[in-house]
Amino acid sequence: MKKKFLIPLVLILLCIIGFGIYNFTKPNANKPVSLEEMVGQMIMTGFHGDGQGSNPEEFAAVLAQVEKGKIGGVILFDVDVSGLLAQGYDIIEAKKQIFSSNIKNVSQVKKLTNTLQSAAPHKLLIAVDQEGGNIQRLKPEHGFASIPSAMEMSKTSPKQTYKIAYDLGKRLSDLGINVDFAPVADVNVNPESPAIGAKDRSFSEDSDIVTEYAGAFARGLARAKIAHSYKHFPGHGSAGVDSHNGLTDVTKTYQDYELNPYRNLLKNSSPYTMVMVAHIVNQNIDTLPASLSKKTIDMARDMGFDGVIVSDDMDMGAIANEYGTETAIQMAIMAGNDILVFGNNLTFDKNRGSDVNATIVKMVTEGKIPESRIRESYNRIMKLKKHLR
């Protein structure tokens, strides 16, 4: 055979062999997805460890849960509240301390997220609360760029807010973080609300301004391909109590215009948009907390939103103290939440994710939760993940 024909033939054979190897080793798209795998995508947990030696046993536990598909997401914290509570701090003082859990500096966070993402069988959601102002897990004292609070941003322009969010999104992407639980779409009905107004987390007392600025912030993150969540549906701005500590009833203080940002934003949301549901009770809608209320979550769907709905932290006192873990899990899923967040930071259990997974799988096999409800959420989550880097 002439040499000029030999080289192309060898290349063709190599391509055929390579294609065969690829098809043999690549994930089979037609392979049935197990119930445990689908359930895992619905679970996001916090964890202990920085990936560089601190809390090695606890970090090994979460890494194993990620690798086995027991959980589909993690959330990063800069303060280990559970550790400080164990030292005798009250919860308010504990949150003011710099007692590192997952976040120490820029290079460490990059290595941490790479370790976690590399272990995951599917794209892992790696989330952080980076709203700005008082709510920044990535703090300047750890070497991260500071961003202004929502209230401060509203004194500039929507264009500037968009730029702040886009720049933030690029930094998050560089860190390996693909979810920011922001922006806050709560209207500042009660400026002294301990969870919202008192912390400058709302853009304004005017729902139209909230719509404009929250929308600009969300678009900036979306341009950077960062998933984001409008929160806290259907509105936490009038609350007089922090739902971290116990049940929060806004029945007498809630204003209908608190829904306006959602009415205006959800019908034109991006593929990167999520909605976080609050742990507040509004008896004008339902007697149950919003996060456990199908009536409330259906409202978001009726506004045209077909993306991922995520619970607020299921470990918060409003839920954990009132309902207990198993009951709350069942109620949250049946209400329509797609992702259940267990911050694992107010209390801590290194096996939280795998335990929650086993609990949900058991409920499905016992007929307490239809498998179709799990598959519905799984499909939404995987659709979101296709857009993420």
Protein backbone atom coordinates (compact mmCIF):
# COMPACT_ATOMS: atom_id res chain seq x y z
CA MET A 1 0.00 0.00 0.00
CA LYS A 2 1.30 3.41 -0.91
CA LYS A 3 2.46 5.60 1.98
CA LYS A 4 0.14 8.46 0.98
CA PHE A 5 -2.89 6.21 1.59
CA LEU A 6 -1.50 4.61 4.73
CA ILE A 7 -1.53 7.73 6.94
CA PRO A 8 -5.21 8.63 6.27
CA LEU A 9 -6.19 5.01 6.84
CA VAL A 10 -4.40 4.93 10.21
CA LEU A 11 -6.12 8.17 11.21
CA ILE A 12 -9.52 6.75 10.27
CA LEU A 13 -8.87 3.59 12.27
CA LEU A 14 -7.79 5.65 15.29
CA CYS A 15 -10.98 7.71 15.04
CA ILE A 16 -13.10 4.56 14.90
CA ILE A 17 -11.31 3.07 17.90
CA GLY A 18 -11.57 6.34 19.83
CA PHE A 19 -15.26 6.67 19.08
CA GLY A 20 -15.81 3.12 20.26
CA ILE A 21 -13.97 3.76 23.50
CA TYR A 22 -15.96 6.97 24.06
CA ASN A 23 -19.27 5.22 23.52
CA PHE A 24 -18.20 2.43 25.83
CA THR A 25 -17.17 4.74 28.65
CA LYS A 26 -19.56 7.69 28.38
CA PRO A 27 -22.65 7.82 30.63
CA ASN A 28 -25.58 6.06 28.99
CA ALA A 29 -28.28 8.64 28.41
CA ASN A 30 -30.83 5.85 28.01
CA LYS A 31 -29.89 4.13 31.25
CA PRO A 32 -32.76 4.35 33.76
CA VAL A 33 -32.10 6.81 36.56
CA SER A 34 -32.39 5.27 40.00
CA LEU A 35 -34.76 6.66 42.60
CA GLU A 36 -31.83 7.35 44.92
CA GLU A 37 -30.09 9.34 42.18
CA MET A 38 -33.17 11.43 41.44
CA VAL A 39 -33.71 12.10 45.14
CA GLY A 40 -30.05 13.09 45.52
CA GLN A 41 -30.48 15.92 43.04
CA MET A 42 -33.17 17.38 45.29
CA ILE A 43 -30.86 17.69 48.32
CA MET A 44 -28.42 20.51 49.10
CA THR A 45 -26.47 20.53 52.36
CA GLY A 46 -23.88 22.49 54.23
CA PHE A 47 -20.80 20.72 55.55
CA HIS A 48 -17.71 21.15 57.70
CA GLY A 49 -14.21 21.41 56.31
CA ASP A 50 -12.24 23.59 53.92
CA GLY A 51 -10.77 20.82 51.77
CA GLN A 52 -7.29 21.55 53.11
CA GLY A 53 -7.12 19.61 56.33
CA SER A 54 -9.67 21.12 58.72
CA ASN A 55 -12.40 18.75 59.91
CA PRO A 56 -11.05 15.90 57.75
CA GLU A 57 -13.57 13.29 58.88
CA GLU A 58 -16.54 15.58 58.27
CA PHE A 59 -15.20 16.67 54.88
CA ALA A 60 -14.59 13.07 53.83
CA ALA A 61 -18.22 12.36 54.69
CA VAL A 62 -19.65 15.08 52.45
CA LEU A 63 -17.24 14.19 49.65
CA ALA A 64 -18.47 10.59 49.77
CA GLN A 65 -22.09 11.77 49.62
CA VAL A 66 -21.30 13.91 46.59
CA GLU A 67 -19.42 11.07 44.87
CA LYS A 68 -22.25 8.58 45.44
CA GLY A 69 -24.91 11.01 44.20
CA LYS A 70 -26.61 11.17 47.59
CA ILE A 71 -26.71 14.96 47.27
CA GLY A 72 -26.83 17.21 44.23
CA GLY A 73 -25.68 20.44 45.83
CA VAL A 74 -23.71 22.01 48.66
CA ILE A 75 -23.85 25.43 50.27
CA LEU A 76 -20.78 27.22 51.62
CA PHE A 77 -20.61 29.13 54.91
CA ASP A 78 -17.92 31.28 56.41
CA VAL A 79 -19.09 30.82 60.00
CA ASP A 80 -19.71 27.52 61.79
CA VAL A 81 -22.71 28.60 63.85
CA SER A 82 -23.22 25.13 65.35
CA GLY A 83 -19.66 25.12 66.70
CA LEU A 84 -20.12 28.51 68.33
CA LEU A 85 -23.47 27.53 69.83
CA ALA A 86 -21.71 24.54 71.37
CA GLN A 87 -19.23 26.99 72.93
CA GLY A 88 -22.06 28.88 74.63
CA TYR A 89 -22.74 31.74 72.22
CA ASP A 90 -26.37 32.63 71.60
CA ILE A 91 -27.44 32.47 67.96
CA ILE A 92 -27.31 36.26 67.39
CA GLU A 93 -23.78 36.57 68.71
CA ALA A 94 -22.65 33.39 66.95
CA LYS A 95 -23.54 34.86 63.55
CA LYS A 96 -21.33 37.87 64.24
CA GLN A 97 -18.18 35.82 64.73
CA ILE A 98 -15.48 35.02 62.21
CA PHE A 99 -15.21 31.30 62.90
CA SER A 100 -14.44 29.75 59.56
CA SER A 101 -16.26 26.71 58.26
CA ASN A 102 -15.66 26.40 54.50
CA ILE A 103 -14.21 29.76 53.47
CA LYS A 104 -10.72 31.02 54.29
CA ASN A 105 -9.33 32.70 51.17
CA VAL A 106 -9.64 32.83 47.39
CA SER A 107 -7.20 30.07 46.44
CA GLN A 108 -8.58 27.75 49.13
CA VAL A 109 -12.17 28.18 47.90
CA LYS A 110 -11.10 27.45 44.30
CA LYS A 111 -9.41 24.23 45.38
CA LEU A 112 -12.38 23.27 47.56
CA THR A 113 -14.97 23.72 44.81
CA ASN A 114 -12.77 21.89 42.31
CA THR A 115 -12.44 18.93 44.68
CA LEU A 116 -16.19 18.78 45.21
CA GLN A 117 -17.11 19.28 41.55
CA SER A 118 -14.59 16.68 40.39
CA ALA A 119 -16.15 14.08 42.69
CA ALA A 120 -19.72 14.60 41.47
CA PRO A 121 -21.28 12.17 38.94
CA HIS A 122 -23.39 15.07 37.63
CA LYS A 123 -22.76 18.80 37.76
CA LEU A 124 -22.83 19.82 41.41
CA LEU A 125 -24.68 22.92 42.53
CA ILE A 126 -22.22 24.90 44.68
CA ALA A 127 -24.10 27.72 46.36
CA VAL A 128 -23.41 30.72 48.52
CA ASP A 129 -25.44 33.59 50.00
CA GLN A 130 -23.72 36.59 48.46
CA GLU A 131 -26.34 39.35 48.50
CA GLY A 132 -24.08 42.21 49.55
CA GLY A 133 -23.90 44.37 52.64
CA ASN A 134 -24.61 42.37 55.78
CA ILE A 135 -25.08 39.11 53.90
CA GLN A 136 -21.74 38.21 52.32
CA ARG A 137 -20.23 34.80 53.01
CA LEU A 138 -17.25 35.80 50.87
CA LYS A 139 -16.01 38.63 53.05
CA PRO A 140 -13.36 41.28 52.36
CA GLU A 141 -11.39 40.14 55.42
CA HIS A 142 -10.91 36.81 53.62
CA GLY A 143 -9.67 38.53 50.47
CA PHE A 144 -12.92 38.75 48.51
CA ALA A 145 -14.32 41.86 46.86
CA SER A 146 -17.06 43.54 48.85
CA ILE A 147 -20.41 44.45 47.31
CA PRO A 148 -22.94 46.96 48.62
CA SER A 149 -26.23 46.06 50.26
CA ALA A 150 -29.48 46.04 48.30
CA MET A 151 -30.48 49.30 49.98
CA GLU A 152 -27.19 50.91 48.94
CA MET A 153 -27.52 49.63 45.38
CA SER A 154 -30.98 51.15 45.06
CA LYS A 155 -29.39 54.59 45.58
CA THR A 156 -27.40 54.15 42.36
CA SER A 157 -29.04 52.93 39.16
CA PRO A 158 -30.37 49.64 37.78
CA LYS A 159 -27.55 49.74 35.21
CA GLN A 160 -24.95 49.99 37.97
CA THR A 161 -26.68 47.21 39.93
CA TYR A 162 -26.54 45.02 36.82
CA LYS A 163 -22.80 45.69 36.51
CA ILE A 164 -22.22 44.91 40.20
CA ALA A 165 -24.04 41.59 39.81
CA TYR A 166 -22.30 40.71 36.53
CA ASP A 167 -18.86 41.39 38.04
CA LEU A 168 -19.86 39.36 41.09
CA GLY A 169 -21.04 36.53 38.84
CA LYS A 170 -17.72 36.43 37.01
CA ARG A 171 -15.86 36.23 40.33
CA LEU A 172 -18.16 33.46 41.57
CA SER A 173 -17.64 31.52 38.36
CA ASP A 174 -13.87 31.88 38.74
CA LEU A 175 -14.21 30.48 42.27
CA GLY A 176 -16.17 27.47 41.01
CA ILE A 177 -19.42 28.66 42.58
CA ASN A 178 -22.44 28.38 40.28
CA VAL A 179 -25.36 29.42 42.52
CA ASP A 180 -25.94 32.69 44.36
CA PHE A 181 -28.98 32.75 46.62
CA ALA A 182 -29.79 36.33 45.66
CA PRO A 183 -31.33 38.79 44.96
CA VAL A 184 -33.79 39.56 47.73
CA ALA A 185 -37.15 40.49 46.22
CA ASP A 186 -38.74 41.33 49.56
CA VAL A 187 -40.41 44.73 49.80
CA ASN A 188 -39.29 46.80 52.78
CA VAL A 189 -42.72 46.98 54.40
CA ASN A 190 -41.23 46.92 57.90
CA PRO A 191 -37.86 48.73 58.00
CA GLU A 192 -37.24 47.20 61.44
CA SER A 193 -37.85 43.61 60.32
CA PRO A 194 -34.96 41.75 61.98
CA ALA A 195 -34.27 39.47 59.02
CA ILE A 196 -34.77 41.95 56.17
CA GLY A 197 -35.24 45.68 56.77
CA ALA A 198 -32.90 45.99 59.73
CA LYS A 199 -30.14 44.40 57.64
CA ASP A 200 -30.69 46.57 54.52
CA ARG A 201 -31.47 43.46 52.48
CA SER A 202 -34.44 45.00 50.63
CA PHE A 203 -34.00 47.36 47.69
CA SER A 204 -36.97 49.54 48.65
CA GLU A 205 -40.38 49.98 50.26
CA ASP A 206 -41.67 50.56 46.72
CA SER A 207 -42.44 47.27 44.97
CA ASP A 208 -41.75 48.78 41.54
CA ILE A 209 -38.24 49.75 42.59
CA VAL A 210 -37.68 46.29 44.06
CA THR A 211 -38.79 44.80 40.74
CA GLU A 212 -36.44 47.02 38.76
CA TYR A 213 -33.33 46.48 40.89
CA ALA A 214 -33.85 42.80 41.75
CA GLY A 215 -34.39 42.17 38.04
CA ALA A 216 -31.18 44.01 37.15
CA PHE A 217 -29.21 42.03 39.75
CA ALA A 218 -30.63 38.75 38.45
CA ARG A 219 -29.83 39.62 34.84
CA GLY A 220 -26.25 40.42 35.78
CA LEU A 221 -25.78 37.04 37.42
CA ALA A 222 -27.51 35.28 34.52
CA ARG A 223 -25.17 36.92 32.00
CA ALA A 224 -22.29 35.42 33.99
CA LYS A 225 -24.11 32.04 33.83
CA ILE A 226 -24.73 31.95 37.58
CA ALA A 227 -27.97 30.47 38.86
CA HIS A 228 -29.76 32.84 41.22
CA SER A 229 -32.92 32.90 43.31
CA TYR A 230 -35.51 35.54 43.96
CA LYS A 231 -36.34 35.34 47.65
CA HIS A 232 -38.23 35.03 49.94
CA PHE A 233 -41.48 34.11 48.20
CA PRO A 234 -44.23 35.28 48.73
CA GLY A 235 -42.65 38.10 50.78
CA HIS A 236 -40.77 38.37 54.08
CA GLY A 237 -40.53 42.14 54.28
CA SER A 238 -43.31 42.75 56.80
CA ALA A 239 -42.17 40.11 59.32
CA GLY A 240 -41.51 41.19 62.88
CA VAL A 241 -39.68 37.96 63.78
CA ASP A 242 -36.69 36.19 62.23
CA SER A 243 -37.74 32.75 60.95
CA HIS A 244 -34.27 31.41 61.83
CA ASN A 245 -35.50 31.39 65.41
CA GLY A 246 -39.14 30.31 65.18
CA LEU A 247 -42.45 30.49 63.40
CA THR A 248 -43.04 33.84 61.71
CA ASP A 249 -46.66 34.90 61.09
CA VAL A 250 -47.17 37.84 58.74
CA THR A 251 -50.95 37.48 58.38
CA LYS A 252 -51.72 40.90 59.90
CA THR A 253 -48.78 42.78 58.38
CA TYR A 254 -48.49 41.34 54.86
CA GLN A 255 -49.38 43.59 51.95
CA ASP A 256 -50.57 42.29 48.58
CA TYR A 257 -48.06 44.46 46.73
CA GLU A 258 -45.30 42.30 48.21
CA LEU A 259 -46.13 39.88 45.40
CA ASN A 260 -45.62 42.50 42.68
CA PRO A 261 -41.91 41.81 42.12
CA TYR A 262 -42.71 38.14 41.56
CA ARG A 263 -45.70 38.92 39.34
CA ASN A 264 -43.48 41.08 37.16
CA LEU A 265 -40.27 39.06 37.19
CA LEU A 266 -41.29 35.40 37.05
CA LYS A 267 -43.17 35.53 33.78
CA ASN A 268 -39.97 36.59 31.99
CA SER A 269 -37.39 34.71 34.05
CA SER A 270 -34.18 33.29 32.58
CA PRO A 271 -33.07 29.62 32.52
CA TYR A 272 -30.82 30.50 35.48
CA THR A 273 -33.67 31.69 37.71
CA MET A 274 -34.84 29.90 40.84
CA VAL A 275 -37.35 30.95 43.50
CA MET A 276 -36.66 30.47 47.21
CA VAL A 277 -39.75 30.01 49.36
CA ALA A 278 -39.93 31.58 52.81
CA HIS A 279 -40.67 29.94 56.15
CA ILE A 280 -43.40 32.47 56.91
CA VAL A 281 -47.07 31.89 57.65
CA ASN A 282 -49.54 34.07 55.80
CA GLN A 283 -53.04 32.89 56.65
CA ASN A 284 -54.44 35.08 53.90
CA ILE A 285 -53.02 32.34 51.65
CA ASP A 286 -52.70 29.23 53.84
CA THR A 287 -52.35 28.21 57.48
CA LEU A 288 -49.10 26.40 56.68
CA PRO A 289 -45.67 28.01 56.31
CA ALA A 290 -45.13 29.05 52.68
CA SER A 291 -42.34 26.51 52.23
CA LEU A 292 -44.72 23.68 53.17
CA SER A 293 -47.76 25.08 51.40
CA LYS A 294 -48.84 23.78 48.00
CA LYS A 295 -51.24 26.71 47.70
CA THR A 296 -48.35 29.15 48.04
CA ILE A 297 -45.96 27.37 45.68
CA ASP A 298 -48.75 26.95 43.11
CA MET A 299 -49.00 30.75 43.08
CA ALA A 300 -45.48 30.95 41.67
CA ARG A 301 -46.37 28.41 39.01
CA ASP A 302 -49.53 30.36 38.18
CA MET A 303 -47.33 33.41 37.57
CA GLY A 304 -45.72 31.51 34.71
CA PHE A 305 -42.62 30.22 36.49
CA ASP A 306 -41.57 26.72 35.42
CA GLY A 307 -38.04 26.66 36.89
CA VAL A 308 -36.57 25.28 40.09
CA ILE A 309 -38.21 26.14 43.40
CA VAL A 310 -35.94 25.84 46.41
CA SER A 311 -36.78 25.85 50.09
CA ASP A 312 -35.22 28.17 52.59
CA ASP A 313 -33.00 26.35 55.11
CA MET A 314 -35.00 23.40 56.45
CA ASP A 315 -32.93 23.53 59.66
CA MET A 316 -34.34 26.93 60.61
CA GLY A 317 -36.39 27.09 63.79
CA ALA A 318 -39.62 27.95 61.95
CA ILE A 319 -39.60 24.46 60.44
CA ALA A 320 -37.32 22.25 62.52
CA ASN A 321 -38.86 23.23 65.86
CA GLU A 322 -42.46 23.14 64.69
CA TYR A 323 -42.72 20.11 62.43
CA GLY A 324 -39.72 17.82 62.88
CA THR A 325 -37.47 16.72 60.05
CA GLU A 326 -39.38 13.81 58.51
CA THR A 327 -42.79 15.49 58.49
CA ALA A 328 -41.31 18.70 57.11
CA ILE A 329 -39.48 16.84 54.33
CA GLN A 330 -42.64 15.09 53.18
CA MET A 331 -44.70 18.29 53.34
CA ALA A 332 -42.05 20.33 51.50
CA ILE A 333 -41.82 17.86 48.62
CA MET A 334 -45.56 17.43 48.31
CA ALA A 335 -45.95 21.21 48.36
CA GLY A 336 -43.78 21.43 45.24
CA ASN A 337 -40.25 22.30 46.36
CA ASP A 338 -37.67 20.95 43.92
CA ILE A 339 -34.57 21.39 46.10
CA LEU A 340 -34.55 21.10 49.88
CA VAL A 341 -31.74 23.07 51.52
CA PHE A 342 -30.30 21.78 54.79
CA GLY A 343 -27.78 24.40 55.84
CA ASN A 344 -26.41 21.96 58.43
CA ASN A 345 -25.01 25.01 60.17
CA LEU A 346 -27.42 25.75 63.03
CA THR A 347 -27.09 22.10 64.00
CA PHE A 348 -24.63 19.72 62.34
CA ASP A 349 -24.65 16.10 61.23
CA LYS A 350 -21.91 14.92 58.87
CA ASN A 351 -24.32 12.40 57.30
CA ARG A 352 -27.21 14.84 56.87
CA GLY A 353 -27.45 14.42 53.10
CA SER A 354 -27.39 10.65 52.98
CA ASP A 355 -29.85 10.45 55.88
CA VAL A 356 -32.28 12.79 54.14
CA ASN A 357 -31.88 10.80 50.91
CA ALA A 358 -32.70 7.53 52.69
CA THR A 359 -35.71 9.16 54.37
CA ILE A 360 -37.15 10.37 51.06
CA VAL A 361 -36.49 7.07 49.27
CA LYS A 362 -38.29 5.24 52.09
CA MET A 363 -41.27 7.60 51.81
CA VAL A 364 -41.50 6.94 48.09
CA THR A 365 -41.30 3.16 48.48
CA GLU A 366 -43.99 3.33 51.18
CA GLY A 367 -46.27 5.36 48.90
CA LYS A 368 -46.15 8.54 50.99
CA ILE A 369 -44.59 10.49 48.10
CA PRO A 370 -45.32 9.56 44.46
CA GLU A 371 -42.24 8.79 42.39
CA SER A 372 -43.72 11.06 39.71
CA ARG A 373 -43.32 14.00 42.13
CA ILE A 374 -39.61 13.17 42.50
CA ARG A 375 -39.10 12.80 38.74
CA GLU A 376 -40.80 16.15 38.13
CA SER A 377 -38.26 17.93 40.35
CA TYR A 378 -35.35 15.90 38.99
CA ASN A 379 -36.18 16.97 35.44
CA ARG A 380 -36.35 20.66 36.41
CA ILE A 381 -33.03 20.48 38.27
CA MET A 382 -31.22 18.71 35.43
CA LYS A 383 -32.58 21.26 32.97
CA LEU A 384 -31.12 24.05 35.13
CA LYS A 385 -27.78 22.27 35.41
CA LYS A 386 -27.43 22.03 31.63
CA HIS A 387 -27.05 25.82 31.52
CA LEU A 388 -24.36 26.02 34.21
CA ARG A 389 -20.61 25.97 33.68
